[in-house]
C-alpha cells in the first residue's frame, strides 16, 4: 500500500514543528528572536512588551522583504545595509526607553534570520540566494568556543553586549580573511563541530 503523504508534506511538517506554521519569513524572524531574547534583561517587565515585539518583528519583516530588491552586489554594500538595520533596531528600542539593546543582539537576530531563510530554501522563501555569499556569521557563545583554536579577536564584553559596530565588523572581517570561503559555509561546519 502506498502512502498518501508526500515527501514534500513530511518536509513541511518538520519545518512547521521547528519554526511554527506562520508565513515562512516571519517564522525565521520569530525563531531567530528566540535565539537571543534571553539576553534582553528587564524587557519582560516593560508595559506592552508583547505588542512592542510584534511591531519590531513587522518592521524587520519589511526590511527583509525590501533587501531582495536592493542592488547589493558586493560585501561593502551588504555591510552598509546590515549596519543600517542594526542601527534601526537599536533606535527602535531606544524610542521605547529600552536602552539595553546592543549591536550584539541586533546582529544575532539579523544573522540567524538569514541562516533560517537559507535552511528553508527557495522552495519556501525565494529571492535571497544572491546575498548568501555576503551574509555574516552569527556571533554567539557556540561560535566563539568553536573558533578558539583559530585565535579570533577577543571581545571585551559578552557577544550580546557588543555596542560598537566597528568592533563587530572587525570580527566578521577576521572570520572572512581567516577562512577565505563563504562565511556561512564555514560557520555551518564549525557549528557541527567539524574541523575546517
Protein backbone atom coordinates (compact mmCIF):
# COMPACT_ATOMS: atom_id res chain seq x y z
CA UNK A 1 0.00 0.00 0.00
CA UNK A 2 1.38 3.43 -0.98
CA UNK A 3 1.37 6.33 1.47
CA UNK A 4 -0.93 9.25 0.76
CA UNK A 5 1.54 11.64 2.43
CA UNK A 6 4.20 13.00 0.07
CA UNK A 7 7.86 13.64 0.88
CA UNK A 8 7.13 17.39 0.49
CA UNK A 9 4.36 17.16 3.09
CA UNK A 10 6.72 15.46 5.56
CA UNK A 11 9.37 18.11 4.92
CA UNK A 12 6.87 20.90 5.54
CA UNK A 13 5.72 19.12 8.69
CA UNK A 14 9.27 19.15 10.09
CA UNK A 15 9.66 22.84 9.21
CA UNK A 16 6.36 23.66 10.93
CA UNK A 17 7.40 21.74 14.05
CA UNK A 18 10.65 23.67 14.35
CA UNK A 19 9.63 27.11 13.09
CA UNK A 20 5.87 27.29 13.57
CA UNK A 21 3.18 27.47 10.94
CA UNK A 22 3.08 31.19 10.16
CA UNK A 23 4.35 32.69 6.91
CA UNK A 24 7.90 31.34 6.32
CA UNK A 25 9.84 34.63 6.61
CA UNK A 26 8.03 35.54 9.82
CA UNK A 27 8.83 32.05 11.14
CA UNK A 28 12.53 32.75 10.54
CA UNK A 29 12.34 36.10 12.33
CA UNK A 30 10.43 34.58 15.26
CA UNK A 31 12.84 31.68 15.62
CA UNK A 32 15.86 33.98 15.44
CA UNK A 33 14.28 36.16 18.14
CA UNK A 34 14.10 33.13 20.42
CA UNK A 35 17.83 32.57 19.84
CA UNK A 36 18.78 35.81 21.58
CA UNK A 37 15.79 37.09 23.59
CA UNK A 38 17.12 35.63 26.85
CA UNK A 39 19.72 38.42 26.66
CA UNK A 40 17.01 41.12 26.81
CA UNK A 41 17.41 41.74 30.54
CA UNK A 42 14.44 43.58 32.04
CA UNK A 43 12.50 43.65 28.77
CA UNK A 44 9.72 41.41 30.09
CA UNK A 45 8.81 43.99 32.72
CA UNK A 46 8.12 46.72 30.14
CA UNK A 47 4.47 47.59 29.66
CA UNK A 48 3.11 46.31 26.34
CA UNK A 49 6.29 44.34 25.59
CA UNK A 50 4.38 41.79 23.51
CA UNK A 51 2.86 44.50 21.32
CA UNK A 52 6.25 46.19 21.01
CA UNK A 53 7.81 42.89 19.94
CA UNK A 54 5.11 42.39 17.29
CA UNK A 55 5.81 45.88 15.92
CA UNK A 56 9.56 45.40 15.63
CA UNK A 57 9.11 41.98 14.04
CA UNK A 58 6.83 43.58 11.43
CA UNK A 59 9.47 46.25 10.75
CA UNK A 60 12.15 43.58 10.45
CA UNK A 61 9.97 41.55 8.12
CA UNK A 62 9.57 44.58 5.83
CA UNK A 63 13.33 45.20 5.85
CA UNK A 64 14.00 41.59 4.88
CA UNK A 65 11.41 41.80 2.09
CA UNK A 66 12.97 45.01 0.77
CA UNK A 67 16.58 43.79 0.82
CA UNK A 68 15.74 41.38 -2.00
CA UNK A 69 15.22 44.39 -4.27
CA UNK A 70 18.31 46.34 -3.27
CA UNK A 71 21.35 46.49 -5.51
CA UNK A 72 23.65 44.61 -3.13
CA UNK A 73 26.38 43.19 -5.30
CA UNK A 74 29.42 43.35 -3.04
CA UNK A 75 30.44 42.91 0.59
CA UNK A 76 30.64 46.62 1.37
CA UNK A 77 27.06 47.23 0.24
CA UNK A 78 25.87 44.32 2.33
CA UNK A 79 27.81 45.59 5.35
CA UNK A 80 26.27 49.05 4.95
CA UNK A 81 22.77 47.57 4.77
CA UNK A 82 23.49 45.34 7.77
CA UNK A 83 24.81 48.23 9.88
CA UNK A 84 21.81 50.35 8.93
CA UNK A 85 19.43 47.59 10.03
CA UNK A 86 21.31 47.09 13.31
CA UNK A 87 21.03 50.82 13.95
CA UNK A 88 17.32 50.79 13.09
CA UNK A 89 16.70 48.04 15.66
CA UNK A 90 18.69 49.87 18.34
CA UNK A 91 16.88 53.13 17.62
CA UNK A 92 13.51 51.38 17.84
CA UNK A 93 14.31 50.04 21.30
CA UNK A 94 15.74 53.41 22.38
CA UNK A 95 12.47 55.10 21.40
CA UNK A 96 10.53 52.85 23.75
CA UNK A 97 13.07 53.64 26.51
CA UNK A 98 14.68 50.21 26.46
CA UNK A 99 18.34 51.27 26.44
CA UNK A 100 19.80 47.77 26.79
CA UNK A 101 19.59 46.68 23.16
CA UNK A 102 23.03 46.31 21.58
CA UNK A 103 24.75 45.61 18.28
CA UNK A 104 25.46 42.11 19.60
CA UNK A 105 21.76 41.36 19.91
CA UNK A 106 20.87 43.03 16.61
CA UNK A 107 23.49 41.05 14.68
CA UNK A 108 22.31 37.79 16.20
CA UNK A 109 18.70 38.50 15.19
CA UNK A 110 19.60 39.51 11.63
CA UNK A 111 22.22 36.84 11.04
CA UNK A 112 20.14 33.99 12.45
CA UNK A 113 17.17 35.12 10.36
CA UNK A 114 19.34 34.75 7.27
CA UNK A 115 20.51 31.31 8.38
CA UNK A 116 16.92 30.19 8.80
CA UNK A 117 15.94 31.64 5.42
CA UNK A 118 18.64 29.52 3.79
CA UNK A 119 17.62 26.48 5.86
CA UNK A 120 14.08 26.84 4.46
CA UNK A 121 15.46 27.16 0.93
CA UNK A 122 13.99 28.59 -2.25
CA UNK A 123 11.08 26.22 -2.21
CA UNK A 124 9.55 28.19 0.67
CA UNK A 125 11.45 31.52 0.72
CA UNK A 126 12.72 32.70 -2.63
CA UNK A 127 14.94 35.61 -3.61
CA UNK A 128 17.80 35.62 -1.10
CA UNK A 129 20.40 33.39 -2.74
CA UNK A 130 22.34 36.35 -4.16
CA UNK A 131 23.04 37.50 -0.58
CA UNK A 132 24.36 34.19 0.74
CA UNK A 133 27.99 34.91 -0.09
CA UNK A 134 27.87 38.24 1.79
CA UNK A 135 26.00 37.16 4.93
CA UNK A 136 27.70 37.46 8.29
CA UNK A 137 28.10 34.63 10.75
CA UNK A 138 26.04 34.94 13.94
CA UNK A 139 28.42 35.69 16.78
CA UNK A 140 27.44 33.80 19.92
CA UNK A 141 28.98 31.57 22.57
CA UNK A 142 28.91 28.47 20.37
CA UNK A 143 30.82 30.13 17.54
CA UNK A 144 33.28 31.81 19.91
CA UNK A 145 34.04 28.44 21.52
CA UNK A 146 34.48 26.68 18.18
CA UNK A 147 36.83 29.45 16.98
CA UNK A 148 39.21 29.28 19.95
CA UNK A 149 41.77 27.11 18.12
CA UNK A 150 41.93 29.76 15.37
CA UNK A 151 42.79 32.66 17.73
CA UNK A 152 39.94 35.06 16.87
CA UNK A 153 39.87 38.69 18.03
CA UNK A 154 38.96 38.98 21.70
CA UNK A 155 35.66 40.59 22.57
CA UNK A 156 35.84 42.80 25.66
CA UNK A 157 32.20 42.05 26.54
CA UNK A 158 29.76 39.20 26.12
CA UNK A 159 28.74 38.85 22.46
CA UNK A 160 25.27 40.19 23.27
CA UNK A 161 26.74 43.37 24.80
CA UNK A 162 28.96 44.40 21.88
CA UNK A 163 27.86 48.00 21.38
CA UNK A 164 30.20 49.19 18.63
CA UNK A 165 29.61 48.18 15.03
CA UNK A 166 33.30 48.60 14.19
CA UNK A 167 34.21 46.00 16.83
CA UNK A 168 31.56 43.66 15.45
CA UNK A 169 32.65 44.21 11.84
CA UNK A 170 36.30 43.62 12.72
CA UNK A 171 35.30 40.16 13.98
CA UNK A 172 33.42 39.44 10.74
CA UNK A 173 36.34 40.66 8.62
CA UNK A 174 38.77 38.49 10.59
CA UNK A 175 36.50 35.48 10.01
CA UNK A 176 36.32 36.17 6.27
CA UNK A 177 40.07 36.68 5.91
CA UNK A 178 40.95 33.69 8.09
CA UNK A 179 38.95 31.12 6.15
CA UNK A 180 38.73 32.75 2.68
CA UNK A 181 35.50 30.91 1.92
CA UNK A 182 31.82 31.74 2.18
CA UNK A 183 31.37 32.55 5.89
CA UNK A 184 28.07 30.71 6.37
CA UNK A 185 29.59 27.56 4.82
CA UNK A 186 32.41 27.65 7.37
CA UNK A 187 30.08 28.51 10.26
CA UNK A 188 27.84 25.59 9.30
CA UNK A 189 30.78 23.18 9.61
CA UNK A 190 32.05 24.78 12.83
CA UNK A 191 28.60 24.61 14.42
CA UNK A 192 28.53 20.89 13.67
CA UNK A 193 31.93 20.55 15.35
CA UNK A 194 33.80 19.82 12.13
CA UNK A 195 37.38 20.95 11.61
CA UNK A 196 37.71 23.47 8.78
